């Protein structure tokens, strides 16, 4: 209680060794995370083409973005659909597979972890999926479906509007067992075995009860980390759409907030003020979703 009431400057002097040790990280974090975010928010209220000094336009970029930009609205809608499906589903799949694989022992567990984690680090994953989804009869998916008479002619999977989003969702789910999956594996291995014995004495009688009342509460930090990673990857999706459907995709069926952002900030337009407004909307969306997930995770084990 005494240290909490102590003025900030006195706390810094008292714990100066600790502050000195964290200073390098804080400086880097401030320069490469906090400062760019604050700069982007500031630029979102200006017109800035990188050739002339920023000109203050107030809420003009946001009014244009939300009321006049139909492509942003479509990208926003696609991003929400993508995030609402791939985010929760991939999160639950990561947890489920991690829980099952953790039951294996030794080299078998290491091998299964590698098998499930490998797609997320495969640099040629998009090349493989382009071959699978090729729009001619030589594409693996078309060839397989035609062989078993599910279809009579080859489908143009990535150039037919109604197929683009479902295919992108399937590919994202295949790639989703990444860092969050490894965090869950690590969290499961650090759960104290004595907790299960204590829970059995208290009346926990099956594996599902062990999972809900013992395992998940004991790995809340890993659950939160995995949630942040899945939310970030689901809202920031762009590479999958660009590599498989192109940018722009057919009738913008695969457009997202990030592809729209890249169009203005990293393409040929270089409208950095407008791009910053798009980035700010995405930032607010991610932060709000993270806060909601934090509240939900606090109820785990209740």
C-alpha atoms as a PDB file:
ATOM      1  CA  UNK A   1       0.000   0.000   0.000  1.00  0.00           C
ATOM      2  CA  UNK A   2       2.852   2.412   0.849  1.00  0.00           C
ATOM      3  CA  UNK A   3       4.524   2.012  -2.568  1.00  0.00           C
ATOM      4  CA  UNK A   4       1.192   2.601  -4.338  1.00  0.00           C
ATOM      5  CA  UNK A   5       0.772   5.959  -2.558  1.00  0.00           C
ATOM      6  CA  UNK A   6       4.366   6.989  -3.231  1.00  0.00           C
ATOM      7  CA  UNK A   7       4.746   9.709  -5.923  1.00  0.00           C
ATOM      8  CA  UNK A   8       5.885   8.541  -9.337  1.00  0.00           C
ATOM      9  CA  UNK A   9       9.256  10.289  -9.241  1.00  0.00           C
ATOM     10  CA  UNK A  10      10.095   8.712  -5.875  1.00  0.00           C
ATOM     11  CA  UNK A  11       9.062   5.260  -7.146  1.00  0.00           C
ATOM     12  CA  UNK A  12      11.354   5.722 -10.137  1.00  0.00           C
ATOM     13  CA  UNK A  13      14.262   6.708  -7.884  1.00  0.00           C
ATOM     14  CA  UNK A  14      13.598   3.823  -5.512  1.00  0.00           C
ATOM     15  CA  UNK A  15      13.398   1.225  -8.306  1.00  0.00           C
ATOM     16  CA  UNK A  16      15.817   2.911 -10.704  1.00  0.00           C
ATOM     17  CA  UNK A  17      17.695  -0.331 -11.402  1.00  0.00           C
ATOM     18  CA  UNK A  18      14.504  -1.953 -12.701  1.00  0.00           C
ATOM     19  CA  UNK A  19      13.608   1.073 -14.839  1.00  0.00           C
ATOM     20  CA  UNK A  20      17.107   1.158 -16.300  1.00  0.00           C
ATOM     21  CA  UNK A  21      16.816  -2.511 -17.281  1.00  0.00           C
ATOM     22  CA  UNK A  22      13.484  -2.052 -19.064  1.00  0.00           C
ATOM     23  CA  UNK A  23      14.497   1.278 -20.651  1.00  0.00           C
ATOM     24  CA  UNK A  24      15.975  -0.236 -23.891  1.00  0.00           C
ATOM     25  CA  UNK A  25      12.799  -2.225 -24.569  1.00  0.00           C
ATOM     26  CA  UNK A  26      10.562   0.727 -23.693  1.00  0.00           C
ATOM     27  CA  UNK A  27      12.486   3.046 -26.020  1.00  0.00           C
ATOM     28  CA  UNK A  28      12.219   0.589 -28.919  1.00  0.00           C
ATOM     29  CA  UNK A  29       8.547  -0.078 -28.154  1.00  0.00           C
ATOM     30  CA  UNK A  30       7.818   3.646 -28.071  1.00  0.00           C
ATOM     31  CA  UNK A  31       9.734   4.414 -31.288  1.00  0.00           C
ATOM     32  CA  UNK A  32       8.441   1.519 -33.372  1.00  0.00           C
ATOM     33  CA  UNK A  33       4.929   0.922 -31.942  1.00  0.00           C
ATOM     34  CA  UNK A  34       3.455   3.775 -29.914  1.00  0.00           C
ATOM     35  CA  UNK A  35       4.883   6.622 -32.006  1.00  0.00           C
ATOM     36  CA  UNK A  36       3.784   5.155 -35.387  1.00  0.00           C
ATOM     37  CA  UNK A  37       0.262   4.544 -34.041  1.00  0.00           C
ATOM     38  CA  UNK A  38      -0.016   8.113 -32.735  1.00  0.00           C
ATOM     39  CA  UNK A  39       1.435   9.467 -35.994  1.00  0.00           C
ATOM     40  CA  UNK A  40      -1.056   7.452 -38.048  1.00  0.00           C
ATOM     41  CA  UNK A  41      -3.988   8.723 -35.985  1.00  0.00           C
ATOM     42  CA  UNK A  42      -2.750  12.297 -36.436  1.00  0.00           C
ATOM     43  CA  UNK A  43      -2.269  11.889 -40.195  1.00  0.00           C
ATOM     44  CA  UNK A  44      -5.781  10.466 -40.540  1.00  0.00           C
ATOM     45  CA  UNK A  45      -7.112  14.003 -40.039  1.00  0.00           C
ATOM     46  CA  UNK A  46      -5.003  15.407 -42.881  1.00  0.00           C
ATOM     47  CA  UNK A  47      -4.542  15.188 -46.626  1.00  0.00           C
ATOM     48  CA  UNK A  48      -0.966  13.975 -47.140  1.00  0.00           C
ATOM     49  CA  UNK A  49       0.431  12.779 -50.474  1.00  0.00           C
ATOM     50  CA  UNK A  50       4.076  12.479 -49.312  1.00  0.00           C
ATOM     51  CA  UNK A  51       5.106  15.277 -51.700  1.00  0.00           C
ATOM     52  CA  UNK A  52       3.484  18.212 -49.937  1.00  0.00           C
ATOM     53  CA  UNK A  53       3.137  19.035 -46.236  1.00  0.00           C
ATOM     54  CA  UNK A  54       0.028  17.547 -44.580  1.00  0.00           C
ATOM     55  CA  UNK A  55      -3.094  19.706 -44.877  1.00  0.00           C
ATOM     56  CA  UNK A  56      -5.680  19.562 -42.091  1.00  0.00           C
ATOM     57  CA  UNK A  57      -9.056  18.237 -43.278  1.00  0.00           C
ATOM     58  CA  UNK A  58     -10.594  17.330 -39.920  1.00  0.00           C
ATOM     59  CA  UNK A  59     -13.123  14.508 -40.157  1.00  0.00           C
ATOM     60  CA  UNK A  60     -13.130  14.678 -43.957  1.00  0.00           C
ATOM     61  CA  UNK A  61     -11.290  11.388 -44.467  1.00  0.00           C
ATOM     62  CA  UNK A  62     -13.641   9.530 -42.111  1.00  0.00           C
ATOM     63  CA  UNK A  63     -16.763  11.028 -43.705  1.00  0.00           C
ATOM     64  CA  UNK A  64     -15.504  10.017 -47.133  1.00  0.00           C
ATOM     65  CA  UNK A  65     -14.516   6.590 -45.850  1.00  0.00           C
ATOM     66  CA  UNK A  66     -17.788   5.688 -44.132  1.00  0.00           C
ATOM     67  CA  UNK A  67     -20.311   7.496 -46.360  1.00  0.00           C
ATOM     68  CA  UNK A  68     -18.826   7.656 -49.858  1.00  0.00           C
ATOM     69  CA  UNK A  69     -16.345   4.805 -50.297  1.00  0.00           C
ATOM     70  CA  UNK A  70     -18.355   1.756 -51.419  1.00  0.00           C
ATOM     71  CA  UNK A  71     -15.189  -0.332 -51.822  1.00  0.00           C
ATOM     72  CA  UNK A  72     -14.253   0.247 -48.191  1.00  0.00           C
ATOM     73  CA  UNK A  73     -17.740  -0.787 -47.066  1.00  0.00           C
ATOM     74  CA  UNK A  74     -17.460  -3.991 -49.080  1.00  0.00           C
ATOM     75  CA  UNK A  75     -13.963  -4.656 -47.720  1.00  0.00           C
ATOM     76  CA  UNK A  76     -15.217  -3.934 -44.189  1.00  0.00           C
ATOM     77  CA  UNK A  77     -18.088  -6.389 -44.664  1.00  0.00           C
ATOM     78  CA  UNK A  78     -15.763  -9.055 -46.069  1.00  0.00           C
ATOM     79  CA  UNK A  79     -13.335  -8.555 -43.187  1.00  0.00           C
ATOM     80  CA  UNK A  80     -16.096  -8.954 -40.590  1.00  0.00           C
ATOM     81  CA  UNK A  81     -17.376 -12.136 -42.237  1.00  0.00           C
ATOM     82  CA  UNK A  82     -13.851 -13.463 -42.485  1.00  0.00           C
ATOM     83  CA  UNK A  83     -13.002 -12.579 -38.870  1.00  0.00           C
ATOM     84  CA  UNK A  84     -16.275 -13.870 -37.373  1.00  0.00           C
ATOM     85  CA  UNK A  85     -15.782 -17.254 -39.052  1.00  0.00           C
ATOM     86  CA  UNK A  86     -12.021 -17.852 -39.115  1.00  0.00           C
ATOM     87  CA  UNK A  87     -11.237 -16.168 -35.781  1.00  0.00           C
ATOM     88  CA  UNK A  88     -13.374 -18.288 -33.406  1.00  0.00           C
ATOM     89  CA  UNK A  89     -13.143 -21.475 -35.496  1.00  0.00           C
ATOM     90  CA  UNK A  90      -9.345 -21.353 -35.849  1.00  0.00           C
ATOM     91  CA  UNK A  91      -8.992 -20.471 -32.151  1.00  0.00           C
ATOM     92  CA  UNK A  92     -11.068 -23.478 -31.091  1.00  0.00           C
ATOM     93  CA  UNK A  93      -9.231 -25.726 -33.558  1.00  0.00           C
ATOM     94  CA  UNK A  94      -5.871 -24.584 -32.168  1.00  0.00           C
ATOM     95  CA  UNK A  95      -7.023 -25.366 -28.629  1.00  0.00           C
ATOM     96  CA  UNK A  96      -8.616 -28.692 -29.568  1.00  0.00           C
ATOM     97  CA  UNK A  97      -5.623 -29.976 -31.546  1.00  0.00           C
ATOM     98  CA  UNK A  98      -3.202 -28.764 -28.873  1.00  0.00           C
ATOM     99  CA  UNK A  99      -5.219 -30.570 -26.180  1.00  0.00           C
ATOM    100  CA  UNK A 100      -5.304 -33.812 -28.190  1.00  0.00           C
ATOM    101  CA  UNK A 101      -1.643 -33.686 -29.240  1.00  0.00           C
ATOM    102  CA  UNK A 102      -0.565 -32.949 -25.666  1.00  0.00           C
ATOM    103  CA  UNK A 103      -1.858 -36.393 -24.703  1.00  0.00           C
ATOM    104  CA  UNK A 104       0.854 -38.012 -26.833  1.00  0.00           C
ATOM    105  CA  UNK A 105       4.308 -38.605 -25.424  1.00  0.00           C
ATOM    106  CA  UNK A 106       7.873 -37.872 -26.505  1.00  0.00           C
ATOM    107  CA  UNK A 107       8.818 -37.926 -30.171  1.00  0.00           C
ATOM    108  CA  UNK A 108       5.273 -38.659 -31.351  1.00  0.00           C
ATOM    109  CA  UNK A 109       4.037 -35.437 -29.735  1.00  0.00           C
ATOM    110  CA  UNK A 110       6.908 -33.470 -31.290  1.00  0.00           C
ATOM    111  CA  UNK A 111       6.199 -34.981 -34.711  1.00  0.00           C
ATOM    112  CA  UNK A 112       2.451 -34.240 -34.535  1.00  0.00           C
ATOM    113  CA  UNK A 113       3.182 -30.665 -33.405  1.00  0.00           C
ATOM    114  CA  UNK A 114       5.445 -30.191 -36.429  1.00  0.00           C
ATOM    115  CA  UNK A 115       2.842 -31.622 -38.808  1.00  0.00           C
ATOM    116  CA  UNK A 116       0.117 -29.272 -37.588  1.00  0.00           C
ATOM    117  CA  UNK A 117       2.376 -26.221 -37.304  1.00  0.00           C
ATOM    118  CA  UNK A 118       4.172 -26.644 -40.633  1.00  0.00           C
ATOM    119  CA  UNK A 119       1.492 -25.051 -42.896  1.00  0.00           C
ATOM    120  CA  UNK A 120       1.771 -21.714 -41.059  1.00  0.00           C
ATOM    121  CA  UNK A 121       5.503 -21.436 -41.818  1.00  0.00           C
ATOM    122  CA  UNK A 122       5.400 -22.869 -45.333  1.00  0.00           C
ATOM    123  CA  UNK A 123       6.667 -20.140 -47.648  1.00  0.00           C
ATOM    124  CA  UNK A 124       5.216 -21.832 -50.756  1.00  0.00           C
ATOM    125  CA  UNK A 125       1.729 -22.440 -49.311  1.00  0.00           C
ATOM    126  CA  UNK A 126       0.106 -20.048 -51.791  1.00  0.00           C
ATOM    127  CA  UNK A 127       1.860 -21.741 -54.720  1.00  0.00           C
ATOM    128  CA  UNK A 128       0.454 -25.088 -53.593  1.00  0.00           C
ATOM    129  CA  UNK A 129      -3.059 -23.687 -53.280  1.00  0.00           C
ATOM    130  CA  UNK A 130      -2.808 -21.994 -56.689  1.00  0.00           C
ATOM    131  CA  UNK A 131      -2.075 -25.415 -58.173  1.00  0.00           C
ATOM    132  CA  UNK A 132      -4.925 -27.033 -56.228  1.00  0.00           C
ATOM    133  CA  UNK A 133      -7.392 -24.295 -57.246  1.00  0.00           C
ATOM    134  CA  UNK A 134      -6.268 -23.959 -60.856  1.00  0.00           C
ATOM    135  CA  UNK A 135      -9.266 -23.130 -63.051  1.00  0.00           C
ATOM    136  CA  UNK A 136      -8.609 -25.836 -65.662  1.00  0.00           C
ATOM    137  CA  UNK A 137      -9.089 -29.589 -65.661  1.00  0.00           C
ATOM    138  CA  UNK A 138      -5.495 -30.067 -64.505  1.00  0.00           C
ATOM    139  CA  UNK A 139      -6.137 -28.337 -61.166  1.00  0.00           C
ATOM    140  CA  UNK A 140      -6.102 -30.907 -58.389  1.00  0.00           C
ATOM    141  CA  UNK A 141      -9.502 -29.917 -57.001  1.00  0.00           C
ATOM    142  CA  UNK A 142     -11.175 -29.798 -60.411  1.00  0.00           C
ATOM    143  CA  UNK A 143      -9.560 -33.063 -61.453  1.00  0.00           C
ATOM    144  CA  UNK A 144     -10.687 -34.836 -58.288  1.00  0.00           C
ATOM    145  CA  UNK A 145     -14.261 -33.564 -58.473  1.00  0.00           C
ATOM    146  CA  UNK A 146     -14.554 -34.382 -62.181  1.00  0.00           C
ATOM    147  CA  UNK A 147     -13.129 -37.851 -61.663  1.00  0.00           C
ATOM    148  CA  UNK A 148     -15.882 -38.717 -59.190  1.00  0.00           C
ATOM    149  CA  UNK A 149     -18.555 -36.914 -61.277  1.00  0.00           C
ATOM    150  CA  UNK A 150     -19.305 -34.203 -58.711  1.00  0.00           C
ATOM    151  CA  UNK A 151     -18.889 -31.612 -61.465  1.00  0.00           C
ATOM    152  CA  UNK A 152     -19.001 -31.946 -65.260  1.00  0.00           C
ATOM    153  CA  UNK A 153     -16.652 -29.116 -66.197  1.00  0.00           C
ATOM    154  CA  UNK A 154     -13.793 -27.289 -64.548  1.00  0.00           C
ATOM    155  CA  UNK A 155     -14.686 -24.485 -62.132  1.00  0.00           C
ATOM    156  CA  UNK A 156     -12.914 -21.133 -62.130  1.00  0.00           C
ATOM    157  CA  UNK A 157     -12.600 -21.099 -58.361  1.00  0.00           C
ATOM    158  CA  UNK A 158     -10.797 -17.789 -57.858  1.00  0.00           C
ATOM    159  CA  UNK A 159     -12.398 -15.855 -60.707  1.00  0.00           C
ATOM    160  CA  UNK A 160     -16.006 -16.712 -59.847  1.00  0.00           C
ATOM    161  CA  UNK A 161     -17.401 -14.292 -57.290  1.00  0.00           C
ATOM    162  CA  UNK A 162     -19.442 -16.758 -55.237  1.00  0.00           C
ATOM    163  CA  UNK A 163     -16.471 -19.075 -54.679  1.00  0.00           C
ATOM    164  CA  UNK A 164     -13.824 -16.518 -53.664  1.00  0.00           C
ATOM    165  CA  UNK A 165     -14.714 -15.890 -50.021  1.00  0.00           C
ATOM    166  CA  UNK A 166     -15.486 -19.543 -49.072  1.00  0.00           C
ATOM    167  CA  UNK A 167     -12.184 -20.671 -50.600  1.00  0.00           C
ATOM    168  CA  UNK A 168     -10.230 -17.943 -48.792  1.00  0.00           C
ATOM    169  CA  UNK A 169     -11.842 -18.946 -45.501  1.00  0.00           C
ATOM    170  CA  UNK A 170     -10.884 -22.604 -46.000  1.00  0.00           C
ATOM    171  CA  UNK A 171      -7.281 -21.692 -46.843  1.00  0.00           C
ATOM    172  CA  UNK A 172      -7.032 -19.387 -43.808  1.00  0.00           C
ATOM    173  CA  UNK A 173      -8.290 -22.141 -41.521  1.00  0.00           C
ATOM    174  CA  UNK A 174      -5.663 -24.480 -42.976  1.00  0.00           C
ATOM    175  CA  UNK A 175      -2.954 -21.900 -42.259  1.00  0.00           C
ATOM    176  CA  UNK A 176      -4.291 -20.899 -38.835  1.00  0.00           C
ATOM    177  CA  UNK A 177      -2.407 -23.377 -36.622  1.00  0.00           C
ATOM    178  CA  UNK A 178       0.457 -20.999 -35.988  1.00  0.00           C
ATOM    179  CA  UNK A 179       1.924 -19.249 -32.965  1.00  0.00           C
ATOM    180  CA  UNK A 180      -1.281 -19.550 -30.940  1.00  0.00           C
ATOM    181  CA  UNK A 181      -1.202 -23.329 -31.415  1.00  0.00           C
ATOM    182  CA  UNK A 182       2.357 -23.492 -30.039  1.00  0.00           C
ATOM    183  CA  UNK A 183       1.358 -21.253 -27.110  1.00  0.00           C
ATOM    184  CA  UNK A 184      -1.464 -23.655 -26.234  1.00  0.00           C
ATOM    185  CA  UNK A 185       0.905 -26.634 -26.408  1.00  0.00           C
ATOM    186  CA  UNK A 186       3.328 -24.850 -24.078  1.00  0.00           C
ATOM    187  CA  UNK A 187       0.524 -23.834 -21.713  1.00  0.00           C
ATOM    188  CA  UNK A 188      -0.845 -27.356 -21.460  1.00  0.00           C
ATOM    189  CA  UNK A 189       2.588 -28.714 -20.552  1.00  0.00           C
ATOM    190  CA  UNK A 190       3.010 -26.219 -17.700  1.00  0.00           C
ATOM    191  CA  UNK A 191      -0.243 -27.070 -15.885  1.00  0.00           C
ATOM    192  CA  UNK A 192       0.553 -28.435 -12.419  1.00  0.00           C
ATOM    193  CA  UNK A 193      -0.497 -32.086 -12.238  1.00  0.00           C
ATOM    194  CA  UNK A 194      -1.366 -31.689  -8.553  1.00  0.00           C
ATOM    195  CA  UNK A 195      -4.288 -29.485  -9.591  1.00  0.00           C
ATOM    196  CA  UNK A 196      -5.965 -32.475 -11.220  1.00  0.00           C
ATOM    197  CA  UNK A 197      -5.643 -34.515  -8.031  1.00  0.00           C
ATOM    198  CA  UNK A 198      -7.121 -31.677  -5.974  1.00  0.00           C
ATOM    199  CA  UNK A 199      -9.936 -31.274  -8.491  1.00  0.00           C
ATOM    200  CA  UNK A 200     -10.740 -35.002  -8.314  1.00  0.00           C
ATOM    201  CA  UNK A 201     -11.105 -34.698  -4.549  1.00  0.00           C
ATOM    202  CA  UNK A 202     -13.460 -31.732  -5.072  1.00  0.00           C
ATOM    203  CA  UNK A 203     -15.710 -33.789  -7.340  1.00  0.00           C
ATOM    204  CA  UNK A 204     -14.386 -33.219 -10.873  1.00  0.00           C
ATOM    205  CA  UNK A 205     -15.225 -36.509 -12.522  1.00  0.00           C
ATOM    206  CA  UNK A 206     -14.426 -36.426 -16.259  1.00  0.00           C
ATOM    207  CA  UNK A 207     -12.005 -34.957 -18.781  1.00  0.00           C
ATOM    208  CA  UNK A 208     -14.341 -32.180 -19.932  1.00  0.00           C
ATOM    209  CA  UNK A 209     -14.735 -30.945 -16.371  1.00  0.00           C
ATOM    210  CA  UNK A 210     -10.952 -31.109 -15.941  1.00  0.00           C
ATOM    211  CA  UNK A 211     -10.551 -29.029 -19.082  1.00  0.00           C
ATOM    212  CA  UNK A 212     -13.043 -26.345 -18.004  1.00  0.00           C
ATOM    213  CA  UNK A 213     -12.317 -26.109 -14.261  1.00  0.00           C
ATOM    214  CA  UNK A 214      -8.586 -26.911 -14.154  1.00  0.00           C
ATOM    215  CA  UNK A 215      -6.744 -26.803 -17.476  1.00  0.00           C
ATOM    216  CA  UNK A 216      -8.175 -23.628 -19.047  1.00  0.00           C
ATOM    217  CA  UNK A 217      -8.013 -21.459 -15.882  1.00  0.00           C
ATOM    218  CA  UNK A 218      -4.393 -22.542 -15.385  1.00  0.00           C
ATOM    219  CA  UNK A 219      -3.401 -21.383 -18.875  1.00  0.00           C
ATOM    220  CA  UNK A 220      -5.264 -18.058 -19.086  1.00  0.00           C
ATOM    221  CA  UNK A 221      -2.117 -16.148 -20.221  1.00  0.00           C
ATOM    222  CA  UNK A 222      -1.667 -18.524 -23.165  1.00  0.00           C
ATOM    223  CA  UNK A 223      -5.378 -18.316 -23.975  1.00  0.00           C
ATOM    224  CA  UNK A 224      -5.156 -14.529 -24.076  1.00  0.00           C
ATOM    225  CA  UNK A 225      -2.011 -14.598 -26.213  1.00  0.00           C
ATOM    226  CA  UNK A 226      -3.601 -17.048 -28.639  1.00  0.00           C
ATOM    227  CA  UNK A 227      -6.735 -14.907 -28.841  1.00  0.00           C
ATOM    228  CA  UNK A 228      -4.703 -11.798 -29.673  1.00  0.00           C
ATOM    229  CA  UNK A 229      -2.802 -13.647 -32.392  1.00  0.00           C
ATOM    230  CA  UNK A 230      -5.965 -15.097 -33.954  1.00  0.00           C
ATOM    231  CA  UNK A 231      -7.791 -11.757 -33.851  1.00  0.00           C
ATOM    232  CA  UNK A 232      -4.838  -9.998 -35.456  1.00  0.00           C
ATOM    233  CA  UNK A 233      -4.473 -12.576 -38.223  1.00  0.00           C
ATOM    234  CA  UNK A 234      -8.214 -12.687 -38.980  1.00  0.00           C
ATOM    235  CA  UNK A 235      -8.692  -8.902 -39.168  1.00  0.00           C
ATOM    236  CA  UNK A 236      -5.392  -8.214 -40.939  1.00  0.00           C
ATOM    237  CA  UNK A 237      -5.941 -10.748 -43.717  1.00  0.00           C
ATOM    238  CA  UNK A 238      -4.549  -9.580 -47.054  1.00  0.00           C
ATOM    239  CA  UNK A 239      -1.812 -11.881 -48.374  1.00  0.00           C
ATOM    240  CA  UNK A 240      -4.197 -14.796 -48.918  1.00  0.00           C
ATOM    241  CA  UNK A 241      -6.598 -12.649 -50.929  1.00  0.00           C
ATOM    242  CA  UNK A 242      -3.838 -11.005 -52.976  1.00  0.00           C
ATOM    243  CA  UNK A 243      -1.977 -14.239 -53.740  1.00  0.00           C
ATOM    244  CA  UNK A 244      -5.019 -16.379 -54.579  1.00  0.00           C
ATOM    245  CA  UNK A 245      -7.679 -13.947 -55.829  1.00  0.00           C
ATOM    246  CA  UNK A 246      -5.525 -11.027 -56.959  1.00  0.00           C
ATOM    247  CA  UNK A 247      -5.802  -7.374 -56.059  1.00  0.00           C
ATOM    248  CA  UNK A 248      -8.357  -6.318 -57.036  1.00  0.00           C
ATOM    249  CA  UNK A 249     -10.244  -9.604 -56.960  1.00  0.00           C
ATOM    250  CA  UNK A 250     -13.192 -10.251 -59.240  1.00  0.00           C
ATOM    251  CA  UNK A 251     -15.912  -7.715 -58.330  1.00  0.00           C
ATOM    252  CA  UNK A 252     -13.856  -7.103 -55.164  1.00  0.00           C
ATOM    253  CA  UNK A 253     -15.255 -10.337 -53.728  1.00  0.00           C
ATOM    254  CA  UNK A 254     -12.016 -10.964 -51.821  1.00  0.00           C
ATOM    255  CA  UNK A 255     -11.243  -7.379 -50.847  1.00  0.00           C
ATOM    256  CA  UNK A 256     -10.588  -6.614 -47.176  1.00  0.00           C
ATOM    257  CA  UNK A 257      -9.782  -3.559 -45.099  1.00  0.00           C
ATOM    258  CA  UNK A 258      -6.064  -4.243 -45.441  1.00  0.00           C
ATOM    259  CA  UNK A 259      -6.146  -4.670 -49.234  1.00  0.00           C
ATOM    260  CA  UNK A 260      -7.995  -1.345 -49.418  1.00  0.00           C
ATOM    261  CA  UNK A 261      -5.366   0.158 -47.125  1.00  0.00           C
ATOM    262  CA  UNK A 262      -2.565  -1.129 -49.344  1.00  0.00           C
ATOM    263  CA  UNK A 263      -4.286   0.346 -52.382  1.00  0.00           C
ATOM    264  CA  UNK A 264      -4.096   3.856 -50.917  1.00  0.00           C
ATOM    265  CA  UNK A 265      -0.947   3.603 -48.790  1.00  0.00           C
ATOM    266  CA  UNK A 266       1.295   1.239 -50.684  1.00  0.00           C
ATOM    267  CA  UNK A 267       0.028   1.272 -54.278  1.00  0.00           C
ATOM    268  CA  UNK A 268       0.147   4.127 -56.750  1.00  0.00           C
ATOM    269  CA  UNK A 269      -2.126   6.616 -54.950  1.00  0.00           C
ATOM    270  CA  UNK A 270       0.032   7.386 -51.890  1.00  0.00           C
ATOM    271  CA  UNK A 271      -2.871   9.114 -50.158  1.00  0.00           C
ATOM    272  CA  UNK A 272      -1.334   8.624 -46.737  1.00  0.00           C
ATOM    273  CA  UNK A 273      -3.953  10.651 -44.854  1.00  0.00           C
ATOM    274  CA  UNK A 274      -6.782   8.514 -46.206  1.00  0.00           C
ATOM    275  CA  UNK A 275      -4.744   5.322 -45.677  1.00  0.00           C
ATOM    276  CA  UNK A 276      -4.129   6.385 -42.061  1.00  0.00           C
ATOM    277  CA  UNK A 277      -7.888   6.796 -41.559  1.00  0.00           C
ATOM    278  CA  UNK A 278      -8.405   3.220 -42.819  1.00  0.00           C
ATOM    279  CA  UNK A 279      -5.638   1.993 -40.488  1.00  0.00           C
ATOM    280  CA  UNK A 280      -7.199   3.830 -37.538  1.00  0.00           C
ATOM    281  CA  UNK A 281     -10.588   2.195 -38.158  1.00  0.00           C
ATOM    282  CA  UNK A 282      -8.878  -1.214 -38.280  1.00  0.00           C
ATOM    283  CA  UNK A 283      -6.935  -0.415 -35.090  1.00  0.00           C
ATOM    284  CA  UNK A 284     -10.124   0.538 -33.208  1.00  0.00           C
ATOM    285  CA  UNK A 285     -11.836  -2.623 -34.470  1.00  0.00           C
ATOM    286  CA  UNK A 286      -8.974  -4.829 -33.249  1.00  0.00           C
ATOM    287  CA  UNK A 287      -8.706  -3.128 -29.851  1.00  0.00           C
ATOM    288  CA  UNK A 288     -12.455  -3.343 -29.281  1.00  0.00           C
ATOM    289  CA  UNK A 289     -12.508  -7.042 -30.191  1.00  0.00           C
ATOM    290  CA  UNK A 290      -9.531  -7.738 -27.913  1.00  0.00           C
ATOM    291  CA  UNK A 291     -11.300  -6.054 -24.991  1.00  0.00           C
ATOM    292  CA  UNK A 292     -14.413  -8.157 -25.614  1.00  0.00           C
ATOM    293  CA  UNK A 293     -12.351 -11.365 -25.734  1.00  0.00           C
ATOM    294  CA  UNK A 294     -10.585 -10.428 -22.491  1.00  0.00           C
ATOM    295  CA  UNK A 295     -13.948 -10.164 -20.738  1.00  0.00           C
ATOM    296  CA  UNK A 296     -15.044 -13.522 -22.113  1.00  0.00           C
ATOM    297  CA  UNK A 297     -11.818 -15.260 -21.076  1.00  0.00           C
ATOM    298  CA  UNK A 298     -12.218 -13.998 -17.505  1.00  0.00           C
ATOM    299  CA  UNK A 299     -15.307 -16.220 -17.258  1.00  0.00           C
ATOM    300  CA  UNK A 300     -13.374 -19.396 -18.098  1.00  0.00           C
ATOM    301  CA  UNK A 301     -13.700 -21.836 -15.216  1.00  0.00           C
ATOM    302  CA  UNK A 302     -16.639 -20.035 -13.569  1.00  0.00           C
END
